[in-house]
Protein backbone atom coordinates (compact mmCIF):
# COMPACT_ATOMS: atom_id res chain seq x y z
CA MET A 1 1.77 -21.96 7.40
CA LYS A 2 2.57 -18.48 6.05
CA ALA A 3 0.18 -16.58 3.78
CA ASN A 4 2.22 -17.10 0.61
CA GLU A 5 2.42 -20.83 1.27
CA LYS A 6 -1.36 -20.94 1.70
CA LEU A 7 -1.79 -19.07 -1.60
CA LEU A 8 0.39 -21.56 -3.44
CA VAL A 9 -1.55 -24.49 -1.98
CA ALA A 10 -4.85 -22.80 -2.89
CA LYS A 11 -3.63 -22.14 -6.44
CA GLU A 12 -2.54 -25.75 -6.90
CA LEU A 13 -5.85 -27.10 -5.56
CA LEU A 14 -7.92 -24.76 -7.73
CA GLU A 15 -5.90 -25.59 -10.86
CA LEU A 16 -6.26 -29.28 -10.12
CA ASN A 17 -10.00 -29.21 -9.35
CA LEU A 18 -11.30 -26.42 -11.61
CA SER A 19 -8.94 -26.62 -14.58
CA GLU A 20 -11.73 -26.91 -17.15
CA LYS A 21 -13.49 -23.83 -15.75
CA ILE A 22 -10.49 -21.48 -15.36
CA SER A 23 -9.99 -18.82 -18.02
CA GLN A 24 -7.26 -16.83 -16.30
CA ILE A 25 -5.17 -17.12 -13.14
CA SER A 26 -2.73 -14.73 -11.48
CA ILE A 27 -1.00 -14.65 -8.14
CA ASP A 28 0.49 -11.63 -6.37
CA LEU A 29 2.74 -12.75 -3.54
CA THR A 30 3.42 -9.13 -2.48
CA TYR A 31 -0.28 -8.47 -1.77
CA LYS A 32 -0.89 -12.13 -0.91
CA GLN A 33 -3.75 -12.48 -3.39
CA LEU A 34 -4.78 -15.08 -5.92
CA HIS A 35 -7.16 -13.95 -8.69
CA ILE A 36 -8.98 -16.44 -10.89
CA VAL A 37 -11.38 -15.67 -13.72
CA LEU A 38 -13.70 -18.53 -14.62
CA ILE A 39 -14.94 -19.10 -18.17
CA ASP A 40 -18.43 -17.95 -17.11
CA GLY A 41 -17.02 -14.54 -16.08
CA ILE A 42 -17.01 -15.12 -12.32
CA HIS A 43 -13.99 -13.64 -10.52
CA LEU A 44 -12.58 -15.47 -7.53
CA TYR A 45 -10.21 -13.69 -5.14
CA ILE A 46 -8.32 -15.65 -2.48
CA VAL A 47 -6.47 -13.57 0.13
CA TYR A 48 -4.47 -14.67 3.17
CA ASN A 49 -2.34 -12.70 5.61
CA ASP A 50 0.28 -13.76 8.11
CA HIS A 51 -2.12 -13.19 11.03
CA GLY A 52 -4.40 -16.16 10.28
CA GLU A 53 -6.97 -14.07 8.40
CA TYR A 54 -8.39 -14.97 5.00
CA SER A 55 -11.01 -13.96 2.48
CA TYR A 56 -12.55 -15.95 -0.37
CA SER A 57 -14.56 -13.54 -2.54
CA ILE A 58 -16.69 -14.62 -5.47
CA ILE A 59 -17.71 -11.71 -7.72
CA PHE A 60 -20.54 -12.51 -10.11
CA SER A 61 -20.87 -9.09 -11.80
CA LYS A 62 -20.21 -5.40 -11.24
CA LEU A 63 -23.73 -4.89 -9.91
CA ASP A 64 -24.05 -3.78 -6.29
CA LEU A 65 -23.59 -6.67 -3.83
CA ASP A 66 -23.45 -9.22 -6.64
CA ARG A 67 -20.86 -11.15 -4.72
CA CYS A 68 -20.44 -13.50 -1.81
CA ARG A 69 -17.54 -13.86 0.59
CA PHE A 70 -16.17 -16.20 3.21
CA ASP A 71 -13.81 -14.56 5.68
CA ASN A 72 -12.72 -14.07 9.27
CA TYR A 73 -11.51 -10.46 9.10
CA ASP A 74 -14.16 -8.94 11.34
CA ASP A 75 -15.23 -10.64 14.53
CA HIS A 76 -18.52 -8.86 15.27
CA TRP A 77 -20.90 -11.21 13.49
CA LYS A 78 -23.06 -13.27 15.86
CA VAL A 79 -22.72 -16.65 14.15
CA SER A 80 -21.87 -20.04 15.62
CA SER A 81 -18.75 -20.32 13.44
CA ARG A 82 -17.38 -16.99 14.68
CA PRO A 83 -14.97 -15.48 13.64
CA HIS A 84 -15.50 -17.42 10.39
CA HIS A 85 -18.57 -16.19 8.53
CA PHE A 86 -20.18 -16.07 5.10
CA HIS A 87 -21.71 -13.06 3.37
CA PRO A 88 -24.32 -14.47 0.94
CA ARG A 89 -24.96 -12.94 -2.46
CA LYS A 90 -26.90 -9.65 -2.54
CA THR A 91 -26.77 -9.01 1.23
CA LYS A 92 -24.53 -7.29 3.77
CA GLU A 93 -25.46 -9.77 6.49
CA ALA A 94 -23.35 -12.73 7.57
CA ILE A 95 -24.25 -16.31 8.37
CA LYS A 96 -22.43 -19.43 9.59
CA SER A 97 -19.46 -20.50 7.47
CA PRO A 98 -17.99 -23.95 6.81
CA MET A 99 -14.53 -22.43 6.24
CA LYS A 100 -11.62 -22.58 8.70
CA GLY A 101 -8.84 -20.58 7.01
CA PHE A 102 -6.84 -23.64 5.90
CA PRO A 103 -6.55 -24.07 2.13
CA ASN A 104 -6.46 -27.89 2.21
CA HIS A 105 -9.91 -27.83 3.83
CA ASP A 106 -11.44 -24.64 2.46
CA ILE A 107 -10.50 -24.77 -1.21
CA ILE A 108 -11.99 -28.24 -1.65
CA LYS A 109 -15.21 -26.98 -0.02
CA LEU A 110 -15.15 -23.86 -2.20
CA VAL A 111 -14.77 -25.98 -5.34
CA GLU A 112 -17.74 -28.10 -4.27
CA LEU A 113 -19.86 -24.97 -3.71
CA LEU A 114 -18.82 -23.46 -7.05
CA ASN A 115 -19.54 -26.69 -8.92
CA SER A 116 -22.93 -27.13 -7.26
CA GLY A 117 -24.11 -23.62 -8.20
CA GLU A 118 -25.10 -23.09 -4.56
CA LEU A 119 -23.14 -19.83 -4.31
CA LYS A 120 -25.11 -18.32 -7.18
CA SER A 121 -28.39 -18.57 -5.29
CA ILE A 122 -29.76 -15.39 -3.78
CA PRO A 123 -31.35 -15.63 -0.31
């Protein structure tokens, strides 16, 4: 599946599963990025490329490191899910990630994590 197809699937799944929490949504097929603003001010960026790489970034505020991210862009993290890894809020480190780079799997998991409040916790 190409990056733009993945973005469209992700957009559809997020609209379907987070509709009551979405304030704003935009998609840029040139830069292969989906940007969602939730009603609580959280910004969600979904990015795919045509090389199998992805990033799901959740920005809580403009404060330093007040974000978390799932991605597989860099392969140097020593985690069992390598190259998939998760950067928890307020840290530069990476830990094991449940994501695989496929929107049908990942976006449902991301919605669960957003709804549970688990991503807001600081290690």
